Amino acid sequence: MTFLWLLALAAPMVDFRSEFARPDPFGGTVTADKAATAEQKHWRAARRSYASMHIVVRLVDPGSYRVKVRSDLPVELYREWYHKIRQEYYPDALVPVAHPVSGSLPDPDNRVPNQTAQAYWLDVWVPADAKPGPHTVTVSVEGAGGTVDKSINLLVAATVTPADDTMSIDHNSYGTSFLAEQYPKLAAQYGDKWTASDAFFGLIHAYHRIFYEHRGLFHQLGYGHGGKVAPEFAPALTGQGRARKIASWDLYDRHYGPLFDGSAFANTRRGAKPIPFVYLPITPEWPASFLNWGEPGYEVEFTNVVKEMERHLREKGWTKTRFELFFNHKKRYKAFPWDGDEVRFLEDDRYFKEYWRLWKAAVPQDTPVKFVFRSDSSWALEQQAADLEGVVNFWVCSSGMLSWMPETARKLKARGDIVWNYSGPPSISENSSAITRYMMRTWVWDVDGYIHWLTVSPGRDPWFNSGGADLALVYSGERFGIEGPIPTIRLKLERNTLQDLAVMDRSRLAAFVKAYNGTTPQQWWTPRPALADKPPNKINNADVDEAAKPAEWLLHRTDAAAWQRVREVMK
């Protein structure tokens, strides 16, 4: 009897945990997520969506184990990587694994001292044609002391999640230099030919694909503040003046062709669809030199090349994507004498109007190619919204300033303009529902989208010296032998929130926000501050932060259980 009792003690243990209760490497829940309910009695999912959960494997003594998942629904399994931030370990990076999968505790790769538990993220895919009703998911863990099975019933609803979302969630990045930095082994294989290799363009497409598979989109800006455009982001040019023309589409088409026709997304759960938005390579310095600004030669070079671009896009049939005329420079960088991004001096609006005149001279009025004129606005948003009516039709707005301009948001939407807001993704060490707050605010405000300002920069050593990865929602997979990005828990939670929002009834908005953080919809807007009536160049960031505090404070008091409460209201 004593021998059998000792064997029972040594048997492995396995638990299912709520996606919002991130497990620590010792079997508990990370401090930031203590408010979330770890043990769920009921697991539910709509069709054409994912159900997600943590699986926590624990061993009494160090040793090896083997995990197997059984279900009549397709499943995807990821090993959770623990990042040390200050004195606590947080899971975030998700390493795809085939199952059955073997492991050991402590994990020699992750190097967590005295680790007794390993978490796995389980995605259960519910196809659109899945049978409504209960489906069983069983996890078996085999260890030195025997095998333990644990099952849950996943209740599949008759509801089918719409293929399209209620909002666009954009993941922003700059250029492609980060690829060589995060994939040094792969880049070294190609040397000088790296940026023209199939592997290089394959990586770009992989980044688009991972965000697409998580119901988002990926935006890469291909030029700097001085207007220099990287060769993979624009067709090659030749000649000057009237002889200025496009010499080659090779790199541009290799980069964007699979994105504009959707083939980059073949064999994904969402199917092959063209990307919805992309930056044009146009800057004050491309395709015409700004040295000639105001001269007939500038207009000739600009309009001739833009005409060629429109014709190429039209002939290729790339008419589903919105191509953005967007200026990202600021005069303080001393390349150009006006602000293209976040205009602070209202006299700079004349440049937008002049570019609009040049644009209309180059592009046929009846073109089937979808062009939009985008402005990222903050300081002068209210004034620009009025001054640039009929010119700019895509507004990316500072969340803080937009928070006291509900009427501006409504007017822009009413005239058919696109309205997004922006900030940055939350740190790993914030609670798990933090990733939901910007999507919830976008939904409450009833605007079209939200931008995570930067999402591909996890830091120099995200594995053993993480700073919180608040500028990344994916990691390089090269460390694990994967030539592409791997997701984070935060990205998975973002996707699952978008799934929920796609089926939430807007007529119940008040009930949802009350459950979320005890507020009313009106409290998500900031009372109009006195500084709103000051000239844009007479206010600063500190002024804006102070003025935006009322709504921001309510937003940031969201606890880890916030989205669990929303789901209870959804039932």
Protein backbone atom coordinates (compact mmCIF):
# COMPACT_ATOMS: atom_id res chain seq x y z
CA MET A 1 0.00 0.00 0.00
CA THR A 2 2.82 2.43 0.85
CA PHE A 3 4.43 1.82 -2.57
CA LEU A 4 1.14 2.52 -4.42
CA TRP A 5 0.57 5.67 -2.36
CA LEU A 6 3.99 6.99 -3.29
CA LEU A 7 3.30 6.31 -6.98
CA ALA A 8 0.04 8.26 -6.74
CA LEU A 9 1.89 11.19 -5.23
CA ALA A 10 4.32 11.18 -8.15
CA ALA A 11 1.60 11.06 -10.83
CA PRO A 12 1.46 14.15 -13.10
CA MET A 13 -1.34 16.67 -12.69
CA VAL A 14 -3.16 18.62 -15.40
CA ASP A 15 -5.63 21.50 -15.27
CA PHE A 16 -7.57 23.62 -17.74
CA ARG A 17 -7.38 27.36 -17.02
CA SER A 18 -9.25 30.36 -18.36
CA GLU A 19 -7.38 32.22 -21.09
CA PHE A 20 -7.42 35.31 -18.84
CA ALA A 21 -5.70 33.59 -15.89
CA ARG A 22 -2.13 33.22 -17.12
CA PRO A 23 -0.32 30.44 -15.25
CA ASP A 24 3.05 30.99 -13.61
CA PRO A 25 5.78 28.30 -13.79
CA PHE A 26 4.89 26.98 -10.33
CA GLY A 27 1.22 26.11 -10.85
CA GLY A 28 -0.28 29.40 -9.66
CA THR A 29 -1.62 32.46 -11.48
CA VAL A 30 0.52 35.51 -12.25
CA THR A 31 -0.12 38.38 -9.85
CA ALA A 32 -1.64 40.68 -12.49
CA ASP A 33 -4.35 38.11 -13.31
CA LYS A 34 -5.47 37.15 -9.80
CA ALA A 35 -8.86 38.81 -10.38
CA ALA A 36 -9.65 36.47 -13.28
CA THR A 37 -11.53 33.25 -12.61
CA ALA A 38 -9.06 30.47 -13.37
CA GLU A 39 -11.45 27.52 -13.21
CA GLN A 40 -14.29 27.77 -15.72
CA LYS A 41 -17.40 25.66 -15.31
CA HIS A 42 -18.55 26.22 -18.87
CA TRP A 43 -16.62 26.59 -22.13
CA ARG A 44 -18.50 28.09 -25.04
CA ALA A 45 -17.71 29.07 -28.62
CA ALA A 46 -19.56 30.29 -31.68
CA ARG A 47 -18.95 28.52 -34.95
CA ARG A 48 -16.19 29.84 -37.24
CA SER A 49 -14.17 30.92 -34.23
CA TYR A 50 -11.61 29.69 -31.70
CA ALA A 51 -12.05 28.59 -28.12
CA SER A 52 -8.85 29.00 -26.12
CA MET A 53 -7.52 27.84 -22.78
CA HIS A 54 -4.35 27.23 -20.85
CA ILE A 55 -3.36 23.64 -20.08
CA VAL A 56 -1.14 23.43 -17.01
CA VAL A 57 1.03 20.36 -16.51
CA ARG A 58 2.54 19.86 -13.04
CA LEU A 59 4.99 17.33 -11.66
CA VAL A 60 5.79 16.75 -8.00
CA ASP A 61 9.37 15.81 -8.78
CA PRO A 62 11.63 16.84 -11.66
CA GLY A 63 11.19 14.58 -14.67
CA SER A 64 9.79 14.15 -18.14
CA TYR A 65 6.20 14.03 -19.37
CA ARG A 66 4.17 13.64 -22.55
CA VAL A 67 1.02 15.58 -23.50
CA LYS A 68 -1.66 14.41 -25.91
CA VAL A 69 -4.88 16.23 -26.90
CA ARG A 70 -7.96 14.46 -28.27
CA SER A 71 -10.97 16.21 -29.79
CA ASP A 72 -13.36 15.82 -32.71
CA LEU A 73 -12.58 19.49 -33.50
CA PRO A 74 -9.24 20.71 -34.93
CA VAL A 75 -6.78 21.81 -32.26
CA GLU A 76 -3.51 23.80 -32.22
CA LEU A 77 -1.06 23.53 -29.31
CA TYR A 78 1.64 25.98 -28.20
CA ARG A 79 4.24 25.81 -25.44
CA GLU A 80 4.17 28.96 -23.34
CA TRP A 81 7.49 30.71 -22.79
CA TYR A 82 8.08 32.36 -19.40
CA HIS A 83 9.64 35.84 -19.47
CA LYS A 84 11.17 37.20 -16.28
CA ILE A 85 10.14 40.78 -15.57
CA ARG A 86 11.55 42.10 -12.32
CA GLN A 87 10.95 39.25 -9.85
CA GLU A 88 8.08 37.43 -11.58
CA TYR A 89 7.70 35.14 -14.58
CA TYR A 90 4.95 35.84 -17.12
CA PRO A 91 4.02 33.57 -20.05
CA ASP A 92 3.72 35.37 -23.38
CA ALA A 93 5.54 33.90 -26.42
CA LEU A 94 3.78 30.85 -27.84
CA VAL A 95 5.94 28.21 -29.50
CA PRO A 96 3.91 25.97 -31.87
CA VAL A 97 4.33 22.27 -31.06
CA ALA A 98 3.03 19.11 -32.67
CA HIS A 99 1.22 16.79 -30.32
CA PRO A 100 1.76 14.41 -28.68
CA VAL A 101 4.55 16.58 -27.30
CA SER A 102 7.22 15.62 -24.78
CA GLY A 103 8.78 17.92 -22.22
CA SER A 104 10.53 17.99 -18.90
CA LEU A 105 10.35 19.97 -15.69
CA PRO A 106 12.21 22.14 -15.10
CA ASP A 107 12.41 23.05 -18.78
CA PRO A 108 16.14 23.22 -19.63
CA ASP A 109 15.51 25.72 -22.43
CA ASN A 110 13.44 28.27 -20.51
CA ARG A 111 15.76 28.03 -17.46
CA VAL A 112 13.27 28.89 -14.74
CA PRO A 113 14.82 27.83 -11.39
CA ASN A 114 12.78 25.21 -9.52
CA GLN A 115 10.05 25.18 -12.16
CA THR A 116 7.27 22.70 -11.33
CA ALA A 117 4.62 23.56 -13.94
CA GLN A 118 4.54 24.10 -17.69
CA ALA A 119 1.64 25.82 -19.43
CA TYR A 120 0.43 25.16 -22.96
CA TRP A 121 -1.97 27.31 -24.92
CA LEU A 122 -4.70 25.31 -26.63
CA ASP A 123 -6.68 26.72 -29.54
CA VAL A 124 -9.75 24.70 -30.52
CA TRP A 125 -11.03 25.68 -33.95
CA VAL A 126 -14.79 25.46 -34.41
CA PRO A 127 -15.59 25.33 -38.16
CA ALA A 128 -18.63 27.11 -39.55
CA ASP A 129 -20.29 23.74 -40.21
CA ALA A 130 -19.56 22.25 -36.76
CA LYS A 131 -22.50 20.57 -35.06
CA PRO A 132 -24.00 22.78 -32.35
CA GLY A 133 -23.95 21.25 -28.90
CA PRO A 134 -21.33 19.74 -26.58
CA HIS A 135 -17.94 18.58 -27.86
CA THR A 136 -15.36 16.89 -25.65
CA VAL A 137 -11.73 17.97 -25.40
CA THR A 138 -9.48 15.56 -23.49
CA VAL A 139 -5.89 16.08 -22.42
CA SER A 140 -3.72 13.13 -21.37
CA VAL A 141 -0.45 13.64 -19.52
CA GLU A 142 1.90 10.71 -19.08
CA GLY A 143 4.70 10.88 -16.52
CA ALA A 144 6.87 8.61 -14.41
CA GLY A 145 4.03 8.07 -11.95
CA GLY A 146 1.40 7.14 -14.53
CA THR A 147 -1.07 8.81 -16.87
CA VAL A 148 -3.81 11.27 -16.01
CA ASP A 149 -6.71 12.32 -18.26
CA LYS A 150 -8.83 15.43 -17.92
CA SER A 151 -11.75 16.46 -20.12
CA ILE A 152 -13.99 19.46 -20.65
CA ASN A 153 -17.18 19.91 -22.60
CA LEU A 154 -17.03 22.71 -25.12
CA LEU A 155 -20.53 23.93 -25.95
CA VAL A 156 -20.70 25.02 -29.59
CA ALA A 157 -23.39 27.62 -30.27
CA ALA A 158 -25.49 27.76 -33.42
CA THR A 159 -24.18 31.31 -33.99
CA VAL A 160 -21.66 31.66 -36.82
CA THR A 161 -19.06 34.37 -36.28
CA PRO A 162 -19.05 36.78 -39.25
CA ALA A 163 -16.00 36.59 -41.47
CA ASP A 164 -15.64 40.38 -41.30
CA ASP A 165 -14.93 42.30 -38.12
CA THR A 166 -16.69 45.30 -36.63
CA MET A 167 -13.38 47.19 -36.74
CA SER A 168 -9.88 47.05 -38.24
CA ILE A 169 -7.09 46.24 -35.80
CA ASP A 170 -3.82 47.34 -37.33
CA HIS A 171 -0.31 46.25 -36.35
CA ASN A 172 2.22 48.85 -37.36
CA SER A 173 5.91 48.54 -38.23
CA TYR A 174 8.65 50.43 -40.02
CA GLY A 175 10.69 49.08 -42.92
CA THR A 176 12.26 45.63 -43.03
CA SER A 177 15.59 46.05 -41.23
CA PHE A 178 14.15 44.25 -38.20
CA LEU A 179 14.00 41.03 -40.24
CA ALA A 180 17.80 40.75 -40.55
CA GLU A 181 18.15 41.63 -36.86
CA GLN A 182 15.66 39.01 -35.69
CA TYR A 183 16.59 36.33 -38.25
CA PRO A 184 20.40 36.65 -38.40
CA LYS A 185 20.97 33.01 -39.35
CA LEU A 186 18.54 33.18 -42.25
CA ALA A 187 19.85 36.55 -43.45
CA ALA A 188 23.46 35.30 -43.29
CA GLN A 189 22.63 32.46 -45.69
CA TYR A 190 21.85 34.98 -48.45
CA GLY A 191 24.44 37.68 -47.69
CA ASP A 192 24.25 40.59 -50.14
CA LYS A 193 21.32 38.96 -51.93
CA TRP A 194 19.19 38.88 -48.77
CA THR A 195 16.73 41.67 -49.65
CA ALA A 196 16.06 40.21 -53.11
CA SER A 197 15.69 36.60 -51.95
CA ASP A 198 12.51 34.55 -51.84
CA ALA A 199 13.20 33.96 -48.13
CA PHE A 200 13.12 37.72 -47.49
CA PHE A 201 9.77 38.22 -49.19
CA GLY A 202 8.52 35.01 -47.61
CA LEU A 203 9.21 36.49 -44.17
CA ILE A 204 7.33 39.68 -45.03
CA HIS A 205 4.35 37.60 -46.13
CA ALA A 206 4.61 35.48 -42.96
CA TYR A 207 4.22 38.61 -40.82
CA HIS A 208 1.18 39.65 -42.79
CA ARG A 209 -0.18 36.12 -42.48
CA ILE A 210 0.16 35.80 -38.70
CA PHE A 211 -1.76 39.02 -38.10
CA TYR A 212 -4.32 38.10 -40.74
CA GLU A 213 -4.89 34.72 -39.10
CA HIS A 214 -5.58 36.59 -35.85
CA ARG A 215 -8.22 38.83 -37.48
CA GLY A 216 -5.86 41.80 -37.78
CA LEU A 217 -3.76 43.48 -40.44
CA PHE A 218 -0.10 44.40 -40.79
CA HIS A 219 1.08 47.83 -41.94
CA GLN A 220 4.71 48.38 -42.99
CA LEU A 221 5.87 51.90 -43.68
CA GLY A 222 8.59 51.67 -46.31
CA TYR A 223 10.18 55.11 -46.06
CA GLY A 224 11.88 57.33 -43.52
CA HIS A 225 11.31 60.89 -42.33
CA GLY A 226 13.65 62.15 -45.06
CA GLY A 227 11.47 60.63 -47.78
CA LYS A 228 13.88 57.86 -48.83
CA VAL A 229 11.93 54.80 -49.94
CA ALA A 230 13.34 51.26 -49.56
CA PRO A 231 13.53 49.43 -52.92
CA GLU A 232 11.15 46.63 -51.92
CA PHE A 233 8.40 49.20 -51.22
CA ALA A 234 8.35 51.06 -54.55
CA PRO A 235 8.88 50.40 -58.24
CA ALA A 236 12.33 51.38 -59.53
CA LEU A 237 12.48 54.72 -61.36
CA THR A 238 14.61 56.05 -64.20
CA GLY A 239 15.04 59.40 -65.98
CA GLN A 240 14.38 62.99 -64.99
CA GLY A 241 11.67 65.52 -65.79
CA ARG A 242 9.39 64.40 -68.62
CA ALA A 243 11.58 61.30 -68.99
CA ARG A 244 10.93 60.19 -65.38
CA LYS A 245 9.18 56.83 -65.51
CA ILE A 246 9.00 53.43 -63.83
CA ALA A 247 11.87 51.18 -64.90
CA SER A 248 10.91 47.98 -63.07
CA TRP A 249 8.07 46.58 -61.00
CA ASP A 250 10.00 43.41 -60.06
CA LEU A 251 10.64 43.90 -56.34
CA TYR A 252 7.37 45.73 -55.74
CA ASP A 253 5.30 43.01 -57.38
CA ARG A 254 7.17 40.22 -55.59
CA HIS A 255 6.51 42.02 -52.32
CA TYR A 256 2.91 43.04 -52.83
CA GLY A 257 1.44 40.82 -55.54
CA PRO A 258 0.57 37.93 -53.16
CA LEU A 259 -0.83 40.46 -50.69
CA PHE A 260 -2.98 42.30 -53.23
CA ASP A 261 -4.42 39.14 -54.80
CA GLY A 262 -4.74 37.29 -51.47
CA SER A 263 -2.60 34.30 -52.44
CA ALA A 264 -0.28 34.99 -49.47
CA PHE A 265 -3.18 33.83 -47.28
CA ALA A 266 -4.04 30.60 -49.07
CA ASN A 267 -4.59 27.63 -46.77
CA THR A 268 -5.45 29.80 -43.77
CA ARG A 269 -8.61 29.37 -41.71
CA ARG A 270 -9.90 32.70 -43.02
CA GLY A 271 -9.20 31.93 -46.67
CA ALA A 272 -7.38 33.95 -49.33
CA LYS A 273 -8.35 37.63 -49.34
CA PRO A 274 -6.41 40.76 -50.40
CA ILE A 275 -5.03 42.97 -47.65
CA PRO A 276 -7.45 45.84 -46.95
CA PHE A 277 -4.92 48.69 -46.57
CA VAL A 278 -1.37 49.52 -47.69
CA TYR A 279 0.87 52.57 -47.72
CA LEU A 280 1.76 54.02 -51.11
CA PRO A 281 5.49 54.78 -51.46
CA ILE A 282 4.76 58.45 -52.16
CA THR A 283 6.68 61.02 -50.10
CA PRO A 284 7.67 64.64 -50.74
CA GLU A 285 10.87 63.15 -52.19
CA TRP A 286 9.35 60.29 -54.22
CA PRO A 287 8.64 60.10 -57.13
CA ALA A 288 9.66 63.77 -57.57
CA SER A 289 12.48 65.57 -55.76
CA PHE A 290 11.29 68.15 -53.22
CA LEU A 291 14.10 70.41 -54.38
CA ASN A 292 11.79 71.18 -57.31
CA TRP A 293 8.68 71.75 -55.19
CA GLY A 294 6.52 74.47 -56.68
CA GLU A 295 8.14 74.14 -60.09
CA PRO A 296 6.48 72.63 -63.19
CA GLY A 297 9.09 69.83 -63.15
CA TYR A 298 7.84 68.53 -59.79
CA GLU A 299 4.30 68.26 -61.06
CA VAL A 300 5.41 66.54 -64.27
CA GLU A 301 7.49 63.90 -62.47
CA PHE A 302 4.84 63.33 -59.80
CA THR A 303 1.86 63.01 -62.12
CA ASN A 304 3.64 60.90 -64.75
CA VAL A 305 4.72 58.26 -62.21
CA VAL A 306 1.39 58.26 -60.36
CA LYS A 307 -0.38 57.71 -63.69
CA GLU A 308 1.83 54.69 -64.33
CA MET A 309 1.16 53.32 -60.86
CA GLU A 310 -2.60 53.64 -61.22
CA ARG A 311 -2.49 51.91 -64.61
CA HIS A 312 -0.33 49.05 -63.29
CA LEU A 313 -2.56 48.42 -60.27
CA ARG A 314 -5.66 48.55 -62.46
CA GLU A 315 -4.26 46.19 -65.09
CA LYS A 316 -3.19 43.73 -62.41
CA GLY A 317 -6.71 43.72 -61.00
CA TRP A 318 -5.52 44.89 -57.60
CA THR A 319 -8.70 46.76 -56.80
CA LYS A 320 -9.69 45.41 -53.39
CA THR A 321 -6.95 47.08 -51.33
CA ARG A 322 -7.11 50.73 -50.21
CA PHE A 323 -3.88 52.45 -51.26
CA GLU A 324 -2.96 55.24 -48.83
CA LEU A 325 -1.43 58.56 -49.80
CA PHE A 326 0.25 59.32 -46.46
CA PHE A 327 3.00 61.64 -45.29
CA ASN A 328 4.95 60.56 -42.20
CA HIS A 329 7.51 63.34 -41.77
CA LYS A 330 7.72 66.18 -39.25
CA LYS A 331 9.48 69.48 -39.82
CA ARG A 332 11.50 69.09 -36.60
CA TYR A 333 13.45 66.30 -38.34
CA LYS A 334 14.67 69.04 -40.72
CA ALA A 335 14.07 67.20 -44.00
CA PHE A 336 11.00 69.15 -45.11
CA PRO A 337 9.58 72.54 -44.05
CA TRP A 338 6.12 71.22 -43.15
CA ASP A 339 4.50 68.54 -41.00
CA GLY A 340 2.97 65.63 -42.85
CA ASP A 341 2.42 63.60 -39.69
CA GLU A 342 0.49 65.02 -36.71
CA VAL A 343 0.26 68.54 -38.12
CA ARG A 344 0.77 71.19 -35.46
CA PHE A 345 0.81 74.33 -37.63
CA LEU A 346 -2.40 74.93 -39.56
CA GLU A 347 -0.62 76.66 -42.42
CA ASP A 348 0.80 73.22 -43.34
CA ASP A 349 -2.64 72.15 -44.57
CA ARG A 350 -1.87 73.94 -47.83
CA TYR A 351 0.56 71.14 -48.72
CA PHE A 352 -2.21 68.56 -48.33
CA LYS A 353 -4.42 70.60 -50.63
CA GLU A 354 -1.67 70.94 -53.23
CA TYR A 355 -0.96 67.21 -53.19
CA TRP A 356 -4.66 66.60 -53.62
CA ARG A 357 -4.61 68.84 -56.70
CA LEU A 358 -1.64 66.92 -58.11
CA TRP A 359 -3.35 63.64 -57.30
CA LYS A 360 -6.53 64.55 -59.14
CA ALA A 361 -4.47 65.58 -62.15
CA ALA A 362 -2.84 62.14 -62.26
CA VAL A 363 -5.60 59.66 -61.34
CA PRO A 364 -8.70 59.07 -63.52
CA GLN A 365 -11.87 59.94 -61.69
CA ASP A 366 -13.45 56.60 -62.60
CA THR A 367 -10.49 54.40 -61.59
CA PRO A 368 -11.52 51.12 -59.96
CA VAL A 369 -8.36 51.24 -57.82
CA LYS A 370 -9.22 52.31 -54.28
CA PHE A 371 -7.11 55.30 -53.22
CA VAL A 372 -7.49 57.12 -49.91
CA PHE A 373 -5.76 60.23 -48.57
CA ARG A 374 -4.67 59.51 -44.99
CA SER A 375 -3.73 61.93 -42.23
CA ASP A 376 -2.46 60.91 -38.80
CA SER A 377 -3.81 63.78 -36.73
CA SER A 378 -3.61 64.87 -33.14
CA TRP A 379 -2.87 68.52 -32.27
CA ALA A 380 -4.91 69.98 -35.11
CA LEU A 381 -7.48 67.22 -35.59
CA GLU A 382 -10.55 69.34 -34.98
CA GLN A 383 -9.38 72.14 -37.27
CA GLN A 384 -8.09 69.79 -39.99
CA ALA A 385 -11.33 67.83 -40.00
CA ALA A 386 -13.04 71.01 -41.15
CA ASP A 387 -10.27 72.52 -43.28
CA LEU A 388 -9.47 69.32 -45.21
CA GLU A 389 -13.00 68.12 -45.90
CA GLY A 390 -13.05 66.63 -49.37
CA VAL A 391 -9.27 66.18 -49.34
CA VAL A 392 -8.41 63.81 -46.50
CA ASN A 393 -10.83 60.89 -46.13
CA PHE A 394 -8.88 58.57 -43.80
CA TRP A 395 -8.16 59.89 -40.31
CA VAL A 396 -5.89 58.16 -37.80
CA CYS A 397 -6.47 60.03 -34.56
CA SER A 398 -4.66 60.35 -31.27
CA SER A 399 -6.86 58.46 -28.78
CA GLY A 400 -6.28 61.06 -26.07
CA MET A 401 -7.44 63.99 -28.19
CA LEU A 402 -10.22 62.14 -29.96
CA SER A 403 -11.62 61.32 -26.51
CA TRP A 404 -12.97 64.88 -26.18
CA MET A 405 -14.17 65.16 -29.77
CA PRO A 406 -17.19 62.85 -30.10
CA GLU A 407 -18.90 65.26 -32.49
CA THR A 408 -15.82 65.38 -34.74
CA ALA A 409 -15.74 61.58 -34.88
CA ARG A 410 -19.44 61.47 -35.77
CA LYS A 411 -19.11 64.15 -38.47
CA LEU A 412 -16.18 62.37 -40.10
CA LYS A 413 -18.07 59.09 -40.11
CA ALA A 414 -21.26 60.74 -41.38
CA ARG A 415 -19.49 62.09 -44.46
CA GLY A 416 -18.06 58.65 -45.24
CA ASP A 417 -14.50 59.12 -43.97
CA ILE A 418 -12.58 56.31 -42.29
CA VAL A 419 -11.73 56.97 -38.62
CA TRP A 420 -9.13 55.05 -36.62
CA ASN A 421 -7.48 55.78 -33.28
CA TYR A 422 -4.06 54.72 -32.02
CA SER A 423 -1.76 54.03 -29.06
CA GLY A 424 0.51 51.08 -28.17
CA PRO A 425 0.00 47.46 -27.04
CA PRO A 426 0.13 46.70 -23.31
CA SER A 427 3.16 45.24 -21.56
CA ILE A 428 3.32 41.56 -20.66
CA SER A 429 3.19 42.53 -16.97
CA GLU A 430 -0.18 44.27 -17.30
CA ASN A 431 -3.25 42.17 -16.63
CA SER A 432 -4.56 39.90 -19.36
CA SER A 433 -7.64 42.04 -20.13
CA ALA A 434 -5.45 45.08 -20.85
CA ILE A 435 -5.22 44.01 -24.51
CA THR A 436 -9.02 44.26 -24.77
CA ARG A 437 -9.42 47.85 -23.63
CA TYR A 438 -8.48 49.59 -26.90
CA MET A 439 -10.77 47.37 -28.94
CA MET A 440 -13.56 47.97 -26.44
CA ARG A 441 -13.00 51.73 -26.63
CA THR A 442 -13.04 51.64 -30.44
CA TRP A 443 -16.32 49.75 -30.29
CA VAL A 444 -17.84 52.09 -27.71
CA TRP A 445 -16.78 55.13 -29.75
CA ASP A 446 -18.18 53.47 -32.90
CA VAL A 447 -15.15 54.32 -35.03
CA ASP A 448 -13.63 52.11 -37.70
CA GLY A 449 -10.31 50.91 -36.34
CA TYR A 450 -7.42 50.98 -33.93
CA ILE A 451 -3.64 50.96 -34.47
CA HIS A 452 -1.05 49.38 -32.22
CA TRP A 453 1.73 51.85 -32.92
CA LEU A 454 4.56 49.26 -33.10
CA THR A 455 4.21 45.49 -32.84
CA VAL A 456 7.40 43.76 -34.03
CA SER A 457 10.07 45.03 -31.58
CA PRO A 458 10.27 42.71 -28.55
CA GLY A 459 13.71 43.97 -27.46
CA ARG A 460 17.26 42.71 -27.81
CA ASP A 461 16.80 39.72 -25.51
CA PRO A 462 13.09 39.00 -25.07
CA TRP A 463 13.79 35.47 -23.85
CA PHE A 464 15.85 36.14 -20.72
CA ASN A 465 15.84 39.92 -20.28
CA SER A 466 12.38 41.10 -21.27
CA GLY A 467 11.40 44.68 -20.75
CA GLY A 468 7.72 43.78 -21.13
CA ALA A 469 7.57 43.67 -24.95
CA ASP A 470 5.13 46.57 -25.05
CA LEU A 471 6.14 47.19 -28.67
CA ALA A 472 5.58 43.63 -29.86
CA LEU A 473 2.71 41.22 -30.31
CA VAL A 474 4.82 38.61 -32.12
CA TYR A 475 8.34 37.22 -31.70
CA SER A 476 10.89 35.81 -34.10
CA GLY A 477 10.64 32.02 -34.23
CA GLU A 478 14.28 31.54 -35.31
CA ARG A 479 15.38 30.49 -31.81
CA PHE A 480 13.04 27.50 -32.13
CA GLY A 481 13.93 26.58 -35.71
CA ILE A 482 10.94 28.44 -37.17
CA GLU A 483 11.58 30.75 -40.13
CA GLY A 484 8.82 33.19 -39.30
CA PRO A 485 7.03 34.93 -36.45
CA ILE A 486 5.34 33.19 -33.55
CA PRO A 487 2.32 34.62 -31.69
CA THR A 488 1.92 35.93 -28.17
CA ILE A 489 -0.78 35.28 -25.62
CA ARG A 490 -1.76 38.93 -26.02
CA LEU A 491 -2.29 38.45 -29.77
CA LYS A 492 -4.49 35.40 -29.11
CA LEU A 493 -6.55 37.35 -26.57
CA GLU A 494 -6.90 40.16 -29.09
CA ARG A 495 -8.20 37.75 -31.73
CA ASN A 496 -10.68 36.19 -29.31
CA THR A 497 -11.96 39.63 -28.32
CA LEU A 498 -12.51 40.51 -31.99
CA GLN A 499 -14.47 37.28 -32.38
CA ASP A 500 -16.71 38.30 -29.51
CA LEU A 501 -17.18 41.86 -30.76
CA ALA A 502 -18.22 40.50 -34.16
CA VAL A 503 -21.31 38.90 -32.58
CA MET A 504 -22.05 41.37 -29.77
CA ASP A 505 -25.36 43.24 -29.98
CA ARG A 506 -24.65 46.97 -30.02
CA SER A 507 -28.10 47.73 -28.63
CA ARG A 508 -26.80 46.28 -25.33
CA LEU A 509 -23.79 48.60 -25.22
CA ALA A 510 -24.62 49.99 -21.78
CA ALA A 511 -24.81 46.51 -20.24
CA PHE A 512 -21.49 45.49 -21.78
CA VAL A 513 -19.53 48.51 -20.55
CA LYS A 514 -21.06 48.24 -17.09
CA ALA A 515 -19.92 44.63 -16.90
CA TYR A 516 -16.52 45.52 -18.34
CA ASN A 517 -15.46 48.13 -15.78
CA GLY A 518 -18.55 49.53 -14.09
CA THR A 519 -18.90 52.55 -16.38
CA THR A 520 -21.43 54.08 -18.74
CA PRO A 521 -20.76 54.67 -22.46
CA GLN A 522 -20.59 58.45 -21.88
CA GLN A 523 -17.74 58.01 -19.39
CA TRP A 524 -15.56 56.66 -22.20
CA TRP A 525 -15.47 60.21 -23.59
CA THR A 526 -13.48 62.97 -21.87
CA PRO A 527 -15.27 66.23 -20.99
CA ARG A 528 -14.06 68.92 -23.36
CA PRO A 529 -11.06 70.61 -21.71
CA ALA A 530 -10.14 74.28 -21.95
CA LEU A 531 -7.01 73.50 -23.96
CA ALA A 532 -9.21 72.21 -26.81
CA ASP A 533 -9.82 75.85 -27.76
CA LYS A 534 -6.14 76.81 -27.78
CA PRO A 535 -4.10 76.94 -31.01
CA PRO A 536 -2.49 73.53 -31.67
CA ASN A 537 1.04 74.95 -31.37
CA LYS A 538 0.31 76.29 -27.89
CA ILE A 539 -0.24 72.94 -26.16
CA ASN A 540 2.11 70.07 -25.35
CA ASN A 541 2.02 66.36 -24.51
CA ALA A 542 1.79 66.97 -20.77
CA ASP A 543 -1.28 69.19 -21.33
CA VAL A 544 -2.93 66.48 -23.41
CA ASP A 545 -2.14 63.70 -20.92
CA GLU A 546 -3.62 65.75 -18.09
CA ALA A 547 -6.75 66.61 -20.05
CA ALA A 548 -7.33 62.98 -21.10
CA LYS A 549 -7.03 61.60 -17.55
CA PRO A 550 -10.76 61.18 -16.74
CA ALA A 551 -11.47 58.64 -19.49
CA GLU A 552 -7.95 57.13 -19.44
CA TRP A 553 -8.15 56.45 -15.72
CA LEU A 554 -11.40 54.55 -16.11
CA LEU A 555 -9.98 52.62 -19.03
CA HIS A 556 -6.81 51.62 -17.18
CA ARG A 557 -8.60 50.46 -14.06
CA THR A 558 -9.81 47.45 -16.06
CA ASP A 559 -8.98 44.25 -14.19
CA ALA A 560 -8.08 40.81 -15.54
CA ALA A 561 -11.66 39.57 -15.23
CA ALA A 562 -13.14 42.37 -17.36
CA TRP A 563 -13.70 40.37 -20.51
CA GLN A 564 -14.93 37.35 -18.57
CA ARG A 565 -17.73 39.55 -17.25
CA VAL A 566 -18.54 40.76 -20.77
CA ARG A 567 -18.89 37.15 -21.90
CA GLU A 568 -21.32 36.49 -19.08
CA VAL A 569 -23.51 39.30 -20.41
CA MET A 570 -23.23 37.85 -23.95
CA LYS A 571 -24.94 34.61 -22.96
